[in-house]
Amino acid sequence: MDIESQKNLYTEHFYIKSFETDPFKHFKISSFLSIAQEIAGVSATRMGFGYDDLIKDNNVWVLSRVKVKYLRPPHWRERVKMETWHKHEEGLMALRDYELLTEEGESIAVSTSSWLIMNMKTRRLKRTSDILGDKGMHCMDRHAIAKSCGKLVAPDNLEHVYTKRVRISDIDYNLHANNARYADWIIDAFGMNFLKEHPLDEIQINYNTECTFDTLVDIYKAPVEGGSFYVEGRSNERNIFQSLVSFK
């Protein structure tokens, strides 16, 4: 591994704690996304384009799309490591991948994500290549999931499942609902008995519109071909998020 690859690859070691698990002692997808978000920030800072570097010009990273594939359910008390690395730019988006492994090296989960840079004052998106410059060239030619997250299309058979009011506990320091909270809203669209028999296999979430405190979000769900489910959140005719979920 060359020097730039070593700088790009960031690894965090931890064990899966009780508050990070679901009722079946599996690592919650929201817990995965919370840790992924945190180590992405550490990795970006090490490379010179983290939060403190961008906020000087009122810019921040915003997660646009993410896909996570559980090769098997990660378990409570399991000692693991999560690796992350910056891949390259794709249009306005910067791509970042992740891999969750046991300390012995077994791959448990893989993930790819697409990030945008937004100006906090104007709320306008910035071209990542303009912000990162030469720093963005230090990408790693490694793919946890080779294909980046694409657009999702809503089916015609959507049914309303429940309505979520965004509370203070959902909001992060950017003053909108944190990306990991959306995963909880999606999982809440399924019943306890179903989830007990069908652990998560794969999930893709596309974050389309900011969601702020006290917003009412209507959650819709529909089965789609191949045994997967489409789950969507709407508020006042705005599409907040779209997701595609499959179970084992």
C-alpha atoms as a PDB file:
ATOM      1  CA  MET A   1       0.000   0.000   0.000  1.00  0.00           C
ATOM      2  CA  ASP A   2       1.461   3.355  -1.022  1.00  0.00           C
ATOM      3  CA  ILE A   3       1.682   6.423   1.235  1.00  0.00           C
ATOM      4  CA  GLU A   4      -1.398   8.152  -0.236  1.00  0.00           C
ATOM      5  CA  SER A   5      -3.512   4.987   0.145  1.00  0.00           C
ATOM      6  CA  GLN A   6      -2.457   4.719   3.781  1.00  0.00           C
ATOM      7  CA  LYS A   7      -3.487   8.338   4.316  1.00  0.00           C
ATOM      8  CA  ASN A   8      -6.816   7.746   2.583  1.00  0.00           C
ATOM      9  CA  LEU A   9      -7.791   4.550   4.422  1.00  0.00           C
ATOM     10  CA  TYR A  10      -9.124   5.147   7.929  1.00  0.00           C
ATOM     11  CA  THR A  11      -9.969   2.280  10.322  1.00  0.00           C
ATOM     12  CA  GLU A  12     -11.838   2.394  13.613  1.00  0.00           C
ATOM     13  CA  HIS A  13     -11.956  -0.569  16.026  1.00  0.00           C
ATOM     14  CA  PHE A  14     -14.903  -1.039  18.394  1.00  0.00           C
ATOM     15  CA  TYR A  15     -17.286  -3.589  19.833  1.00  0.00           C
ATOM     16  CA  ILE A  16     -21.027  -3.586  19.170  1.00  0.00           C
ATOM     17  CA  LYS A  17     -22.735  -2.205  22.263  1.00  0.00           C
ATOM     18  CA  SER A  18     -26.188  -3.004  23.596  1.00  0.00           C
ATOM     19  CA  PHE A  19     -27.598   0.439  22.733  1.00  0.00           C
ATOM     20  CA  GLU A  20     -26.448  -0.052  19.125  1.00  0.00           C
ATOM     21  CA  THR A  21     -28.554  -3.170  18.638  1.00  0.00           C
ATOM     22  CA  ASP A  22     -32.176  -3.957  17.808  1.00  0.00           C
ATOM     23  CA  PRO A  23     -34.501  -6.258  19.817  1.00  0.00           C
ATOM     24  CA  PHE A  24     -32.833  -9.252  18.150  1.00  0.00           C
ATOM     25  CA  LYS A  25     -29.296  -8.291  19.244  1.00  0.00           C
ATOM     26  CA  HIS A  26     -28.304  -7.281  15.706  1.00  0.00           C
ATOM     27  CA  PHE A  27     -26.331  -4.127  14.875  1.00  0.00           C
ATOM     28  CA  LYS A  28     -28.983  -1.559  13.891  1.00  0.00           C
ATOM     29  CA  ILE A  29     -28.634   0.009  10.484  1.00  0.00           C
ATOM     30  CA  SER A  30     -28.953   3.426  12.149  1.00  0.00           C
ATOM     31  CA  SER A  31     -25.970   2.515  14.350  1.00  0.00           C
ATOM     32  CA  PHE A  32     -23.987   1.529  11.273  1.00  0.00           C
ATOM     33  CA  LEU A  33     -24.810   4.860   9.627  1.00  0.00           C
ATOM     34  CA  SER A  34     -23.963   6.844  12.773  1.00  0.00           C
ATOM     35  CA  ILE A  35     -20.498   5.324  12.980  1.00  0.00           C
ATOM     36  CA  ALA A  36     -20.021   5.598   9.220  1.00  0.00           C
ATOM     37  CA  GLN A  37     -20.841   9.313   9.377  1.00  0.00           C
ATOM     38  CA  GLU A  38     -18.413   9.862  12.249  1.00  0.00           C
ATOM     39  CA  ILE A  39     -15.445   8.077  10.704  1.00  0.00           C
ATOM     40  CA  ALA A  40     -16.124   9.732   7.341  1.00  0.00           C
ATOM     41  CA  GLY A  41     -15.588  13.028   9.133  1.00  0.00           C
ATOM     42  CA  VAL A  42     -12.361  11.827  10.736  1.00  0.00           C
ATOM     43  CA  SER A  43     -11.086  10.477   7.427  1.00  0.00           C
ATOM     44  CA  ALA A  44     -11.946  13.688   5.555  1.00  0.00           C
ATOM     45  CA  THR A  45     -10.230  15.793   8.235  1.00  0.00           C
ATOM     46  CA  ARG A  46      -7.057  13.701   7.931  1.00  0.00           C
ATOM     47  CA  MET A  47      -7.111  14.369   4.186  1.00  0.00           C
ATOM     48  CA  GLY A  48      -7.639  18.117   4.582  1.00  0.00           C
ATOM     49  CA  PHE A  49     -11.310  18.488   3.653  1.00  0.00           C
ATOM     50  CA  GLY A  50     -13.179  17.813   6.905  1.00  0.00           C
ATOM     51  CA  TYR A  51     -15.832  19.893   8.667  1.00  0.00           C
ATOM     52  CA  ASP A  52     -13.409  22.487  10.064  1.00  0.00           C
ATOM     53  CA  ASP A  53     -11.787  22.944   6.662  1.00  0.00           C
ATOM     54  CA  LEU A  54     -15.085  23.478   4.826  1.00  0.00           C
ATOM     55  CA  ILE A  55     -17.008  25.513   7.410  1.00  0.00           C
ATOM     56  CA  LYS A  56     -14.495  28.361   7.062  1.00  0.00           C
ATOM     57  CA  ASP A  57     -16.331  29.205   3.832  1.00  0.00           C
ATOM     58  CA  ASN A  58     -19.752  28.193   5.234  1.00  0.00           C
ATOM     59  CA  ASN A  59     -19.679  24.864   3.400  1.00  0.00           C
ATOM     60  CA  VAL A  60     -20.616  21.460   4.841  1.00  0.00           C
ATOM     61  CA  TRP A  61     -20.753  17.870   3.669  1.00  0.00           C
ATOM     62  CA  VAL A  62     -24.283  16.522   3.128  1.00  0.00           C
ATOM     63  CA  LEU A  63     -25.024  12.832   2.632  1.00  0.00           C
ATOM     64  CA  SER A  64     -27.062  12.413  -0.547  1.00  0.00           C
ATOM     65  CA  ARG A  65     -27.313   8.635  -1.001  1.00  0.00           C
ATOM     66  CA  VAL A  66     -26.119   5.538   0.790  1.00  0.00           C
ATOM     67  CA  LYS A  67     -26.352   1.783   0.292  1.00  0.00           C
ATOM     68  CA  VAL A  68     -25.465  -0.816   2.927  1.00  0.00           C
ATOM     69  CA  LYS A  69     -25.296  -4.584   2.357  1.00  0.00           C
ATOM     70  CA  TYR A  70     -25.229  -6.875   5.405  1.00  0.00           C
ATOM     71  CA  LEU A  71     -23.407 -10.057   4.394  1.00  0.00           C
ATOM     72  CA  ARG A  72     -24.602 -11.417   7.718  1.00  0.00           C
ATOM     73  CA  PRO A  73     -26.158  -9.682  10.734  1.00  0.00           C
ATOM     74  CA  PRO A  74     -23.453  -8.145  12.973  1.00  0.00           C
ATOM     75  CA  HIS A  75     -24.103  -9.184  16.583  1.00  0.00           C
ATOM     76  CA  TRP A  76     -24.091  -7.607  20.029  1.00  0.00           C
ATOM     77  CA  ARG A  77     -20.650  -7.733  21.728  1.00  0.00           C
ATOM     78  CA  GLU A  78     -18.884  -8.628  18.494  1.00  0.00           C
ATOM     79  CA  ARG A  79     -15.489  -6.948  18.157  1.00  0.00           C
ATOM     80  CA  VAL A  80     -15.228  -5.355  14.739  1.00  0.00           C
ATOM     81  CA  LYS A  81     -13.443  -2.713  12.698  1.00  0.00           C
ATOM     82  CA  MET A  82     -14.907  -0.340  10.136  1.00  0.00           C
ATOM     83  CA  GLU A  83     -12.748   0.880   7.272  1.00  0.00           C
ATOM     84  CA  THR A  84     -13.559   3.880   5.083  1.00  0.00           C
ATOM     85  CA  TRP A  85     -11.924   5.585   2.129  1.00  0.00           C
ATOM     86  CA  HIS A  86     -12.580   8.354  -0.384  1.00  0.00           C
ATOM     87  CA  LYS A  87     -12.975   6.961  -3.921  1.00  0.00           C
ATOM     88  CA  HIS A  88     -13.476   9.739  -6.471  1.00  0.00           C
ATOM     89  CA  GLU A  89     -15.860  12.434  -7.663  1.00  0.00           C
ATOM     90  CA  GLU A  90     -18.871  11.656  -9.846  1.00  0.00           C
ATOM     91  CA  GLY A  91     -20.462  14.855 -11.120  1.00  0.00           C
ATOM     92  CA  LEU A  92     -21.349  16.962  -8.083  1.00  0.00           C
ATOM     93  CA  MET A  93     -20.937  13.987  -5.754  1.00  0.00           C
ATOM     94  CA  ALA A  94     -17.941  12.613  -3.881  1.00  0.00           C
ATOM     95  CA  LEU A  95     -18.021   8.856  -3.372  1.00  0.00           C
ATOM     96  CA  ARG A  96     -16.957   7.160  -0.141  1.00  0.00           C
ATOM     97  CA  ASP A  97     -17.021   3.436   0.665  1.00  0.00           C
ATOM     98  CA  TYR A  98     -16.990   1.426   3.895  1.00  0.00           C
ATOM     99  CA  GLU A  99     -16.352  -2.139   4.981  1.00  0.00           C
ATOM    100  CA  LEU A 100     -17.209  -3.670   8.358  1.00  0.00           C
ATOM    101  CA  LEU A 101     -15.029  -6.629   9.319  1.00  0.00           C
ATOM    102  CA  THR A 102     -14.389  -8.825  12.320  1.00  0.00           C
ATOM    103  CA  GLU A 103     -11.007  -8.385  13.971  1.00  0.00           C
ATOM    104  CA  GLU A 104     -10.082 -11.691  12.297  1.00  0.00           C
ATOM    105  CA  GLY A 105     -10.819 -10.224   8.868  1.00  0.00           C
ATOM    106  CA  GLU A 106     -14.256 -11.626   8.002  1.00  0.00           C
ATOM    107  CA  SER A 107     -16.251  -9.127   5.938  1.00  0.00           C
ATOM    108  CA  ILE A 108     -19.671  -8.563   7.574  1.00  0.00           C
ATOM    109  CA  ALA A 109     -21.027  -5.515   5.754  1.00  0.00           C
ATOM    110  CA  VAL A 110     -20.140  -3.299   2.800  1.00  0.00           C
ATOM    111  CA  SER A 111     -21.372   0.166   1.902  1.00  0.00           C
ATOM    112  CA  THR A 112     -21.079   2.932  -0.655  1.00  0.00           C
ATOM    113  CA  SER A 113     -22.179   6.530  -0.220  1.00  0.00           C
ATOM    114  CA  SER A 114     -22.512   9.720  -2.266  1.00  0.00           C
ATOM    115  CA  TRP A 115     -21.847  13.111  -0.669  1.00  0.00           C
ATOM    116  CA  LEU A 116     -22.509  16.700  -1.714  1.00  0.00           C
ATOM    117  CA  ILE A 117     -21.021  19.981  -0.525  1.00  0.00           C
ATOM    118  CA  MET A 118     -23.618  22.619   0.386  1.00  0.00           C
ATOM    119  CA  ASN A 119     -23.175  26.243   1.368  1.00  0.00           C
ATOM    120  CA  MET A 120     -24.994  26.805   4.674  1.00  0.00           C
ATOM    121  CA  LYS A 121     -25.906  30.420   3.886  1.00  0.00           C
ATOM    122  CA  THR A 122     -27.109  30.104   0.301  1.00  0.00           C
ATOM    123  CA  ARG A 123     -28.222  26.427   0.609  1.00  0.00           C
ATOM    124  CA  ARG A 124     -26.709  25.954  -2.833  1.00  0.00           C
ATOM    125  CA  LEU A 125     -24.619  22.950  -3.837  1.00  0.00           C
ATOM    126  CA  LYS A 126     -20.957  23.420  -4.684  1.00  0.00           C
ATOM    127  CA  ARG A 127     -18.959  21.355  -7.168  1.00  0.00           C
ATOM    128  CA  THR A 128     -16.759  19.048  -5.088  1.00  0.00           C
ATOM    129  CA  SER A 129     -13.813  19.389  -7.475  1.00  0.00           C
ATOM    130  CA  ASP A 130     -13.845  23.179  -6.944  1.00  0.00           C
ATOM    131  CA  ILE A 131     -13.706  22.756  -3.153  1.00  0.00           C
ATOM    132  CA  LEU A 132     -11.355  19.775  -2.867  1.00  0.00           C
ATOM    133  CA  GLY A 133      -8.934  20.748  -5.625  1.00  0.00           C
ATOM    134  CA  ASP A 134      -5.851  18.544  -5.649  1.00  0.00           C
ATOM    135  CA  LYS A 135      -6.893  16.970  -2.349  1.00  0.00           C
ATOM    136  CA  GLY A 136      -9.733  15.167  -4.116  1.00  0.00           C
ATOM    137  CA  MET A 137      -7.231  13.468  -6.404  1.00  0.00           C
ATOM    138  CA  HIS A 138      -5.910  11.357  -3.535  1.00  0.00           C
ATOM    139  CA  CYS A 139      -8.570   8.709  -4.029  1.00  0.00           C
ATOM    140  CA  MET A 140      -8.303   4.982  -3.387  1.00  0.00           C
ATOM    141  CA  ASP A 141      -8.934   2.461  -6.165  1.00  0.00           C
ATOM    142  CA  ARG A 142     -10.940   0.062  -4.010  1.00  0.00           C
ATOM    143  CA  HIS A 143     -14.648  -0.706  -4.090  1.00  0.00           C
ATOM    144  CA  ALA A 144     -16.772  -2.082  -1.256  1.00  0.00           C
ATOM    145  CA  ILE A 145     -19.702  -1.770  -3.691  1.00  0.00           C
ATOM    146  CA  ALA A 146     -18.594  -0.960  -7.224  1.00  0.00           C
ATOM    147  CA  LYS A 147     -21.750   0.735  -8.540  1.00  0.00           C
ATOM    148  CA  SER A 148     -22.723   4.051  -6.970  1.00  0.00           C
ATOM    149  CA  CYS A 149     -26.254   4.607  -5.670  1.00  0.00           C
ATOM    150  CA  GLY A 150     -28.699   5.457  -8.436  1.00  0.00           C
ATOM    151  CA  LYS A 151     -32.095   7.127  -8.519  1.00  0.00           C
ATOM    152  CA  LEU A 152     -35.129   5.314  -7.075  1.00  0.00           C
ATOM    153  CA  VAL A 153     -38.560   5.307  -8.703  1.00  0.00           C
ATOM    154  CA  ALA A 154     -41.731   5.089  -6.599  1.00  0.00           C
ATOM    155  CA  PRO A 155     -44.163   2.275  -7.472  1.00  0.00           C
ATOM    156  CA  ASP A 156     -47.870   2.931  -7.941  1.00  0.00           C
ATOM    157  CA  ASN A 157     -49.082   0.769  -5.046  1.00  0.00           C
ATOM    158  CA  LEU A 158     -47.862   2.863  -2.103  1.00  0.00           C
ATOM    159  CA  GLU A 159     -49.796   2.563   1.166  1.00  0.00           C
ATOM    160  CA  HIS A 160     -49.565   4.939   4.123  1.00  0.00           C
ATOM    161  CA  VAL A 161     -48.001   3.230   7.165  1.00  0.00           C
ATOM    162  CA  TYR A 162     -47.654   5.960   9.814  1.00  0.00           C
ATOM    163  CA  THR A 163     -46.835   9.632  10.369  1.00  0.00           C
ATOM    164  CA  LYS A 164     -43.611  10.725  12.074  1.00  0.00           C
ATOM    165  CA  ARG A 165     -43.177  14.124  13.739  1.00  0.00           C
ATOM    166  CA  VAL A 166     -39.540  15.201  13.734  1.00  0.00           C
ATOM    167  CA  ARG A 167     -38.430  15.845  17.300  1.00  0.00           C
ATOM    168  CA  ILE A 168     -35.356  17.496  18.830  1.00  0.00           C
ATOM    169  CA  SER A 169     -33.747  14.077  19.285  1.00  0.00           C
ATOM    170  CA  ASP A 170     -33.787  13.634  15.486  1.00  0.00           C
ATOM    171  CA  ILE A 171     -31.907  16.888  14.770  1.00  0.00           C
ATOM    172  CA  ASP A 172     -28.131  17.243  14.383  1.00  0.00           C
ATOM    173  CA  TYR A 173     -25.791  20.269  14.444  1.00  0.00           C
ATOM    174  CA  ASN A 174     -26.738  21.159  10.863  1.00  0.00           C
ATOM    175  CA  LEU A 175     -30.276  21.734  12.224  1.00  0.00           C
ATOM    176  CA  HIS A 176     -31.914  19.040  10.128  1.00  0.00           C
ATOM    177  CA  ALA A 177     -32.826  15.405  10.775  1.00  0.00           C
ATOM    178  CA  ASN A 178     -29.685  13.300  10.916  1.00  0.00           C
ATOM    179  CA  ASN A 179     -29.251  10.722   8.161  1.00  0.00           C
ATOM    180  CA  ALA A 180     -29.162   7.811  10.611  1.00  0.00           C
ATOM    181  CA  ARG A 181     -32.601   8.693  11.987  1.00  0.00           C
ATOM    182  CA  TYR A 182     -34.182   8.104   8.570  1.00  0.00           C
ATOM    183  CA  ALA A 183     -33.047   4.479   8.790  1.00  0.00           C
ATOM    184  CA  ASP A 184     -34.978   4.058  12.047  1.00  0.00           C
ATOM    185  CA  TRP A 185     -38.100   5.550  10.433  1.00  0.00           C
ATOM    186  CA  ILE A 186     -37.761   3.072   7.563  1.00  0.00           C
ATOM    187  CA  ILE A 187     -37.327   0.044   9.819  1.00  0.00           C
ATOM    188  CA  ASP A 188     -40.308   1.216  11.913  1.00  0.00           C
ATOM    189  CA  ALA A 189     -42.474   0.677   8.820  1.00  0.00           C
ATOM    190  CA  PHE A 190     -42.154  -3.097   9.349  1.00  0.00           C
ATOM    191  CA  GLY A 191     -43.700  -5.289  12.023  1.00  0.00           C
ATOM    192  CA  MET A 192     -41.863  -6.926  14.918  1.00  0.00           C
ATOM    193  CA  ASN A 193     -42.724 -10.473  13.828  1.00  0.00           C
ATOM    194  CA  PHE A 194     -41.574  -9.814  10.263  1.00  0.00           C
ATOM    195  CA  LEU A 195     -38.246  -8.377  11.395  1.00  0.00           C
ATOM    196  CA  LYS A 196     -37.694 -11.250  13.823  1.00  0.00           C
ATOM    197  CA  GLU A 197     -37.905 -13.734  10.961  1.00  0.00           C
ATOM    198  CA  HIS A 198     -36.214 -11.590   8.312  1.00  0.00           C
ATOM    199  CA  PRO A 199     -32.930  -9.848   9.243  1.00  0.00           C
ATOM    200  CA  LEU A 200     -31.865  -6.911   7.097  1.00  0.00           C
ATOM    201  CA  ASP A 201     -30.073  -7.795   3.879  1.00  0.00           C
ATOM    202  CA  GLU A 202     -29.620  -4.497   2.013  1.00  0.00           C
ATOM    203  CA  ILE A 203     -30.869  -0.931   2.183  1.00  0.00           C
ATOM    204  CA  GLN A 204     -30.450   2.106  -0.039  1.00  0.00           C
ATOM    205  CA  ILE A 205     -31.577   5.545   1.131  1.00  0.00           C
ATOM    206  CA  ASN A 206     -31.749   8.623  -1.095  1.00  0.00           C
ATOM    207  CA  TYR A 207     -32.002  11.868   0.872  1.00  0.00           C
ATOM    208  CA  ASN A 208     -33.929  14.303  -1.323  1.00  0.00           C
ATOM    209  CA  THR A 209     -35.025  17.223   0.864  1.00  0.00           C
ATOM    210  CA  GLU A 210     -33.902  18.648   4.196  1.00  0.00           C
ATOM    211  CA  CYS A 211     -36.171  17.751   7.088  1.00  0.00           C
ATOM    212  CA  THR A 212     -36.316  20.138  10.052  1.00  0.00           C
ATOM    213  CA  PHE A 213     -37.720  20.212  13.583  1.00  0.00           C
ATOM    214  CA  ASP A 214     -41.473  19.630  14.015  1.00  0.00           C
ATOM    215  CA  THR A 215     -41.988  18.526  10.413  1.00  0.00           C
ATOM    216  CA  LEU A 216     -44.681  15.895   9.895  1.00  0.00           C
ATOM    217  CA  VAL A 217     -43.408  13.111   7.635  1.00  0.00           C
ATOM    218  CA  ASP A 218     -45.851  10.602   6.158  1.00  0.00           C
ATOM    219  CA  ILE A 219     -44.241   7.193   5.689  1.00  0.00           C
ATOM    220  CA  TYR A 220     -45.397   5.060   2.742  1.00  0.00           C
ATOM    221  CA  LYS A 221     -44.445   1.497   1.841  1.00  0.00           C
ATOM    222  CA  ALA A 222     -44.970  -0.903  -1.058  1.00  0.00           C
ATOM    223  CA  PRO A 223     -43.617  -4.336  -2.028  1.00  0.00           C
ATOM    224  CA  VAL A 224     -41.632  -4.411  -5.271  1.00  0.00           C
ATOM    225  CA  GLU A 225     -40.319  -7.140  -7.541  1.00  0.00           C
ATOM    226  CA  GLY A 226     -37.699  -9.468  -6.134  1.00  0.00           C
ATOM    227  CA  GLY A 227     -39.060  -9.485  -2.592  1.00  0.00           C
ATOM    228  CA  SER A 228     -37.837  -5.994  -1.717  1.00  0.00           C
ATOM    229  CA  PHE A 229     -39.789  -3.042  -0.331  1.00  0.00           C
ATOM    230  CA  TYR A 230     -39.887   0.588  -1.333  1.00  0.00           C
ATOM    231  CA  VAL A 231     -40.297   3.025   1.592  1.00  0.00           C
ATOM    232  CA  GLU A 232     -40.765   6.751   1.137  1.00  0.00           C
ATOM    233  CA  GLY A 233     -41.210   9.796   3.345  1.00  0.00           C
ATOM    234  CA  ARG A 234     -43.302  12.794   2.242  1.00  0.00           C
ATOM    235  CA  SER A 235     -44.176  16.121   3.800  1.00  0.00           C
ATOM    236  CA  ASN A 236     -46.564  18.660   2.236  1.00  0.00           C
ATOM    237  CA  GLU A 237     -46.164  17.014  -1.181  1.00  0.00           C
ATOM    238  CA  ARG A 238     -42.372  17.160  -0.876  1.00  0.00           C
ATOM    239  CA  ASN A 239     -40.412  13.947  -1.234  1.00  0.00           C
ATOM    240  CA  ILE A 240     -38.151  13.846   1.845  1.00  0.00           C
ATOM    241  CA  PHE A 241     -36.470  10.494   1.213  1.00  0.00           C
ATOM    242  CA  GLN A 242     -36.761   7.312  -0.830  1.00  0.00           C
ATOM    243  CA  SER A 243     -35.451   3.884   0.088  1.00  0.00           C
ATOM    244  CA  LEU A 244     -35.259   0.342  -1.181  1.00  0.00           C
ATOM    245  CA  VAL A 245     -34.978  -2.394   1.457  1.00  0.00           C
ATOM    246  CA  SER A 246     -34.512  -6.137   1.231  1.00  0.00           C
ATOM    247  CA  PHE A 247     -34.418  -8.770   3.940  1.00  0.00           C
ATOM    248  CA  LYS A 248     -32.860 -12.206   4.280  1.00  0.00           C
END
